[in-house]
N, C-alpha and C. Protein backbone atom coordinates (compact mmCIF):
# COMPACT_ATOMS: atom_id res chain seq x y z
N MET A 1 -24.34 -7.80 -19.04
CA MET A 1 -23.45 -6.87 -18.36
C MET A 1 -22.23 -7.63 -17.85
N MET A 2 -21.06 -7.13 -18.17
CA MET A 2 -19.81 -7.79 -17.79
C MET A 2 -19.27 -7.16 -16.51
N ARG A 3 -18.91 -7.98 -15.54
CA ARG A 3 -18.35 -7.48 -14.28
C ARG A 3 -16.90 -7.10 -14.47
N SER A 4 -16.50 -5.99 -13.89
CA SER A 4 -15.09 -5.61 -13.96
C SER A 4 -14.31 -6.43 -12.95
N ARG A 5 -13.14 -6.82 -13.35
CA ARG A 5 -12.30 -7.65 -12.49
C ARG A 5 -11.35 -6.75 -11.71
N ILE A 6 -11.29 -6.92 -10.42
CA ILE A 6 -10.39 -6.17 -9.57
C ILE A 6 -9.04 -6.88 -9.58
N SER A 7 -7.99 -6.13 -9.88
CA SER A 7 -6.67 -6.74 -9.98
C SER A 7 -6.20 -7.24 -8.61
N LYS A 8 -5.33 -8.24 -8.64
CA LYS A 8 -4.81 -8.83 -7.41
C LYS A 8 -3.86 -7.85 -6.75
N ARG A 9 -4.06 -7.61 -5.48
CA ARG A 9 -3.25 -6.65 -4.73
C ARG A 9 -2.72 -7.30 -3.47
N ALA A 10 -1.67 -6.73 -2.94
CA ALA A 10 -1.13 -7.16 -1.65
C ALA A 10 -1.59 -6.16 -0.61
N TYR A 11 -2.14 -6.64 0.49
CA TYR A 11 -2.65 -5.78 1.54
C TYR A 11 -1.82 -5.98 2.80
N THR A 12 -1.54 -4.90 3.51
CA THR A 12 -0.79 -5.00 4.76
C THR A 12 -1.68 -5.64 5.83
N VAL A 13 -1.05 -6.12 6.87
CA VAL A 13 -1.78 -6.73 7.98
C VAL A 13 -2.71 -5.69 8.62
N GLN A 14 -2.21 -4.47 8.78
CA GLN A 14 -3.01 -3.41 9.39
C GLN A 14 -4.26 -3.10 8.54
N TYR A 15 -4.09 -3.07 7.24
CA TYR A 15 -5.20 -2.80 6.33
C TYR A 15 -6.26 -3.89 6.47
N ARG A 16 -5.82 -5.14 6.51
CA ARG A 16 -6.76 -6.27 6.65
C ARG A 16 -7.51 -6.20 7.97
N GLU A 17 -6.75 -5.92 9.04
CA GLU A 17 -7.37 -5.86 10.36
C GLU A 17 -8.41 -4.74 10.43
N GLU A 18 -8.10 -3.59 9.84
CA GLU A 18 -9.03 -2.47 9.86
C GLU A 18 -10.29 -2.80 9.05
N ALA A 19 -10.13 -3.43 7.90
CA ALA A 19 -11.28 -3.81 7.08
C ALA A 19 -12.18 -4.79 7.84
N VAL A 20 -11.57 -5.77 8.49
CA VAL A 20 -12.34 -6.75 9.26
C VAL A 20 -13.02 -6.08 10.44
N ARG A 21 -12.33 -5.17 11.10
CA ARG A 21 -12.90 -4.45 12.24
C ARG A 21 -14.15 -3.67 11.83
N GLN A 22 -14.12 -3.07 10.63
CA GLN A 22 -15.29 -2.32 10.15
C GLN A 22 -16.51 -3.23 10.01
N VAL A 23 -16.27 -4.49 9.64
CA VAL A 23 -17.39 -5.43 9.49
C VAL A 23 -17.84 -5.95 10.84
N ILE A 24 -16.89 -6.43 11.64
CA ILE A 24 -17.24 -7.09 12.90
C ILE A 24 -17.69 -6.08 13.96
N GLU A 25 -16.90 -5.06 14.22
CA GLU A 25 -17.22 -4.10 15.28
C GLU A 25 -18.07 -2.94 14.78
N GLY A 26 -17.93 -2.60 13.52
CA GLY A 26 -18.66 -1.46 12.99
C GLY A 26 -20.07 -1.78 12.57
N GLY A 27 -20.40 -3.06 12.49
CA GLY A 27 -21.76 -3.46 12.14
C GLY A 27 -22.12 -3.21 10.68
N ARG A 28 -21.12 -3.01 9.84
CA ARG A 28 -21.39 -2.79 8.41
C ARG A 28 -21.36 -4.13 7.69
N THR A 29 -21.98 -4.18 6.54
CA THR A 29 -21.98 -5.42 5.77
C THR A 29 -20.65 -5.58 5.04
N THR A 30 -20.34 -6.81 4.72
CA THR A 30 -19.12 -7.10 3.98
C THR A 30 -19.15 -6.40 2.63
N ALA A 31 -20.29 -6.42 1.98
CA ALA A 31 -20.42 -5.78 0.67
C ALA A 31 -20.18 -4.28 0.76
N ASP A 32 -20.72 -3.64 1.79
CA ASP A 32 -20.58 -2.20 1.97
C ASP A 32 -19.11 -1.82 2.21
N VAL A 33 -18.45 -2.54 3.09
CA VAL A 33 -17.04 -2.25 3.40
C VAL A 33 -16.18 -2.51 2.17
N ALA A 34 -16.39 -3.62 1.50
CA ALA A 34 -15.61 -3.94 0.31
C ALA A 34 -15.77 -2.87 -0.76
N ARG A 35 -16.98 -2.42 -0.95
CA ARG A 35 -17.25 -1.38 -1.95
C ARG A 35 -16.54 -0.08 -1.56
N SER A 36 -16.59 0.30 -0.29
CA SER A 36 -15.96 1.55 0.16
C SER A 36 -14.44 1.48 0.07
N LEU A 37 -13.89 0.27 0.18
CA LEU A 37 -12.43 0.10 0.09
C LEU A 37 -11.97 -0.29 -1.31
N ASP A 38 -12.92 -0.39 -2.24
CA ASP A 38 -12.63 -0.75 -3.62
C ASP A 38 -11.84 -2.07 -3.70
N MET A 39 -12.43 -3.08 -3.07
CA MET A 39 -11.79 -4.39 -3.07
C MET A 39 -12.85 -5.47 -3.27
N SER A 40 -12.38 -6.67 -3.47
CA SER A 40 -13.27 -7.80 -3.70
C SER A 40 -14.05 -8.16 -2.44
N GLU A 41 -15.34 -8.32 -2.59
CA GLU A 41 -16.18 -8.72 -1.46
C GLU A 41 -15.79 -10.11 -0.96
N LYS A 42 -15.46 -10.99 -1.89
CA LYS A 42 -15.07 -12.37 -1.53
C LYS A 42 -13.80 -12.37 -0.67
N THR A 43 -12.84 -11.53 -1.05
CA THR A 43 -11.60 -11.44 -0.27
C THR A 43 -11.89 -11.00 1.15
N LEU A 44 -12.67 -9.94 1.28
CA LEU A 44 -13.01 -9.44 2.62
C LEU A 44 -13.80 -10.48 3.40
N ALA A 45 -14.71 -11.17 2.75
CA ALA A 45 -15.49 -12.21 3.43
C ALA A 45 -14.55 -13.31 3.96
N ASN A 46 -13.54 -13.66 3.18
CA ASN A 46 -12.57 -14.66 3.64
C ASN A 46 -11.83 -14.17 4.89
N TRP A 47 -11.42 -12.90 4.89
CA TRP A 47 -10.73 -12.35 6.05
C TRP A 47 -11.62 -12.35 7.28
N VAL A 48 -12.87 -11.96 7.11
CA VAL A 48 -13.81 -11.92 8.22
C VAL A 48 -14.02 -13.33 8.77
N ARG A 49 -14.17 -14.30 7.90
CA ARG A 49 -14.36 -15.69 8.32
C ARG A 49 -13.13 -16.17 9.12
N ARG A 50 -11.93 -15.84 8.63
CA ARG A 50 -10.70 -16.24 9.33
C ARG A 50 -10.64 -15.58 10.71
N ALA A 51 -10.98 -14.30 10.77
CA ALA A 51 -10.92 -13.57 12.04
C ALA A 51 -11.92 -14.14 13.04
N ARG A 52 -13.11 -14.44 12.58
CA ARG A 52 -14.14 -14.98 13.48
C ARG A 52 -13.79 -16.37 13.99
N SER A 53 -13.01 -17.12 13.20
CA SER A 53 -12.60 -18.46 13.65
C SER A 53 -11.30 -18.42 14.44
N GLY A 54 -10.75 -17.20 14.64
CA GLY A 54 -9.55 -17.05 15.46
C GLY A 54 -8.25 -17.32 14.73
N ARG A 55 -8.30 -17.43 13.42
CA ARG A 55 -7.08 -17.68 12.65
C ARG A 55 -6.45 -16.37 12.23
N GLN A 56 -5.15 -16.42 11.91
CA GLN A 56 -4.44 -15.22 11.46
C GLN A 56 -4.95 -14.80 10.08
N LEU A 57 -4.92 -13.48 9.86
CA LEU A 57 -5.39 -12.95 8.58
C LEU A 57 -4.35 -13.11 7.47
N VAL A 58 -3.09 -13.21 7.85
CA VAL A 58 -2.00 -13.28 6.87
C VAL A 58 -1.12 -14.47 7.19
N THR A 59 -0.79 -15.24 6.16
CA THR A 59 0.17 -16.31 6.35
C THR A 59 1.56 -15.71 6.43
N ARG A 60 2.49 -16.39 6.99
CA ARG A 60 3.85 -15.88 7.18
C ARG A 60 4.49 -15.49 5.86
N GLY A 61 4.29 -16.26 4.81
CA GLY A 61 4.89 -15.97 3.51
C GLY A 61 4.38 -14.66 2.93
N ALA A 62 3.09 -14.41 3.04
CA ALA A 62 2.51 -13.18 2.51
C ALA A 62 3.02 -11.98 3.29
N GLU A 63 3.13 -12.13 4.59
CA GLU A 63 3.63 -11.04 5.43
C GLU A 63 5.07 -10.71 5.07
N LEU A 64 5.87 -11.72 4.80
CA LEU A 64 7.26 -11.53 4.43
C LEU A 64 7.36 -10.78 3.11
N ARG A 65 6.53 -11.13 2.12
CA ARG A 65 6.55 -10.43 0.82
C ARG A 65 6.21 -8.96 0.99
N ILE A 66 5.25 -8.67 1.85
CA ILE A 66 4.85 -7.28 2.08
C ILE A 66 5.99 -6.52 2.74
N ASP A 67 6.64 -7.14 3.73
CA ASP A 67 7.76 -6.49 4.40
C ASP A 67 8.89 -6.20 3.42
N GLU A 68 9.18 -7.13 2.52
CA GLU A 68 10.22 -6.92 1.52
C GLU A 68 9.84 -5.77 0.59
N ALA A 69 8.58 -5.73 0.21
CA ALA A 69 8.10 -4.66 -0.67
C ALA A 69 8.19 -3.30 0.04
N GLN A 70 7.84 -3.26 1.31
CA GLN A 70 7.91 -2.02 2.06
C GLN A 70 9.36 -1.56 2.21
N ALA A 71 10.28 -2.50 2.42
CA ALA A 71 11.69 -2.15 2.53
C ALA A 71 12.21 -1.59 1.21
N GLU A 72 11.82 -2.21 0.11
CA GLU A 72 12.24 -1.73 -1.21
C GLU A 72 11.66 -0.34 -1.48
N LEU A 73 10.41 -0.13 -1.12
CA LEU A 73 9.79 1.17 -1.31
C LEU A 73 10.52 2.24 -0.50
N SER A 74 10.85 1.92 0.71
CA SER A 74 11.59 2.86 1.56
C SER A 74 12.95 3.19 0.96
N ARG A 75 13.65 2.17 0.47
CA ARG A 75 14.95 2.38 -0.15
C ARG A 75 14.83 3.27 -1.38
N LEU A 76 13.82 3.02 -2.20
CA LEU A 76 13.63 3.81 -3.41
C LEU A 76 13.24 5.26 -3.10
N ARG A 77 12.47 5.46 -2.06
CA ARG A 77 12.11 6.83 -1.67
C ARG A 77 13.35 7.59 -1.20
N THR A 78 14.20 6.93 -0.44
CA THR A 78 15.43 7.56 0.02
C THR A 78 16.32 7.90 -1.17
N GLU A 79 16.46 6.97 -2.09
CA GLU A 79 17.27 7.21 -3.28
C GLU A 79 16.69 8.35 -4.11
N ASN A 80 15.37 8.39 -4.25
CA ASN A 80 14.70 9.45 -5.01
C ASN A 80 14.99 10.81 -4.39
N GLU A 81 14.91 10.91 -3.07
CA GLU A 81 15.17 12.16 -2.38
C GLU A 81 16.62 12.60 -2.59
N GLN A 82 17.55 11.66 -2.54
CA GLN A 82 18.97 11.98 -2.76
C GLN A 82 19.17 12.50 -4.19
N LEU A 83 18.54 11.86 -5.16
CA LEU A 83 18.66 12.30 -6.55
C LEU A 83 18.07 13.70 -6.75
N ARG A 84 16.97 13.99 -6.08
CA ARG A 84 16.38 15.34 -6.18
C ARG A 84 17.34 16.39 -5.62
N MET A 85 17.98 16.07 -4.51
CA MET A 85 18.95 17.01 -3.94
C MET A 85 20.13 17.20 -4.88
N ASP A 86 20.60 16.11 -5.48
CA ASP A 86 21.71 16.20 -6.44
C ASP A 86 21.35 17.10 -7.62
N VAL A 87 20.14 16.94 -8.15
CA VAL A 87 19.69 17.77 -9.27
C VAL A 87 19.64 19.23 -8.86
N GLU A 88 19.14 19.52 -7.67
CA GLU A 88 19.07 20.90 -7.19
C GLU A 88 20.46 21.51 -7.07
N ILE A 89 21.42 20.76 -6.55
CA ILE A 89 22.80 21.25 -6.43
C ILE A 89 23.38 21.53 -7.82
N LEU A 90 23.14 20.62 -8.76
CA LEU A 90 23.65 20.82 -10.11
C LEU A 90 23.02 22.04 -10.78
N LYS A 91 21.75 22.28 -10.56
CA LYS A 91 21.08 23.46 -11.11
C LYS A 91 21.72 24.73 -10.57
N ARG A 92 21.96 24.77 -9.27
CA ARG A 92 22.56 25.96 -8.65
C ARG A 92 23.99 26.17 -9.16
N ALA A 93 24.73 25.07 -9.29
CA ALA A 93 26.10 25.18 -9.79
C ALA A 93 26.11 25.69 -11.24
N ALA A 94 25.21 25.19 -12.06
CA ALA A 94 25.12 25.63 -13.45
C ALA A 94 24.76 27.11 -13.52
N ALA A 95 23.84 27.55 -12.69
CA ALA A 95 23.46 28.97 -12.67
C ALA A 95 24.63 29.83 -12.21
N TYR A 96 25.37 29.37 -11.22
CA TYR A 96 26.53 30.12 -10.72
C TYR A 96 27.59 30.26 -11.81
N PHE A 97 27.94 29.16 -12.46
CA PHE A 97 28.97 29.21 -13.49
C PHE A 97 28.52 29.98 -14.72
N ALA A 98 27.24 29.96 -15.05
CA ALA A 98 26.73 30.74 -16.16
C ALA A 98 26.84 32.23 -15.85
N LYS A 99 26.61 32.59 -14.61
CA LYS A 99 26.68 34.00 -14.21
C LYS A 99 28.12 34.51 -14.17
N THR A 100 29.06 33.68 -13.69
CA THR A 100 30.46 34.11 -13.58
C THR A 100 31.20 34.08 -14.91
N SER A 101 30.70 33.35 -15.89
CA SER A 101 31.41 33.25 -17.17
C SER A 101 31.09 34.42 -18.08
N ARG A 102 30.17 35.30 -17.72
CA ARG A 102 29.79 36.44 -18.56
C ARG A 102 30.83 37.49 -18.56
């Protein structure tokens, strides 16, 4: 039986903290939480070990990459919304001109 490989993902600090909290404060096993979050058990175990030893869950470089990604996502969502409004205006204008040209 071949194990499926979970692709590498970037997790926010809040996501990591919540996953660790479920293990430490929630009394659930690392395997159970990892399975429910569809993530690698080893990754979660590393986070739990770091949290229990008092170390940060995210290095500064990883946090910066996530912030940049979130900023880009926000910019793209804003641009997408503007483009949707532009399309709606063009549809209305086309309908208006089609009606008046008859």
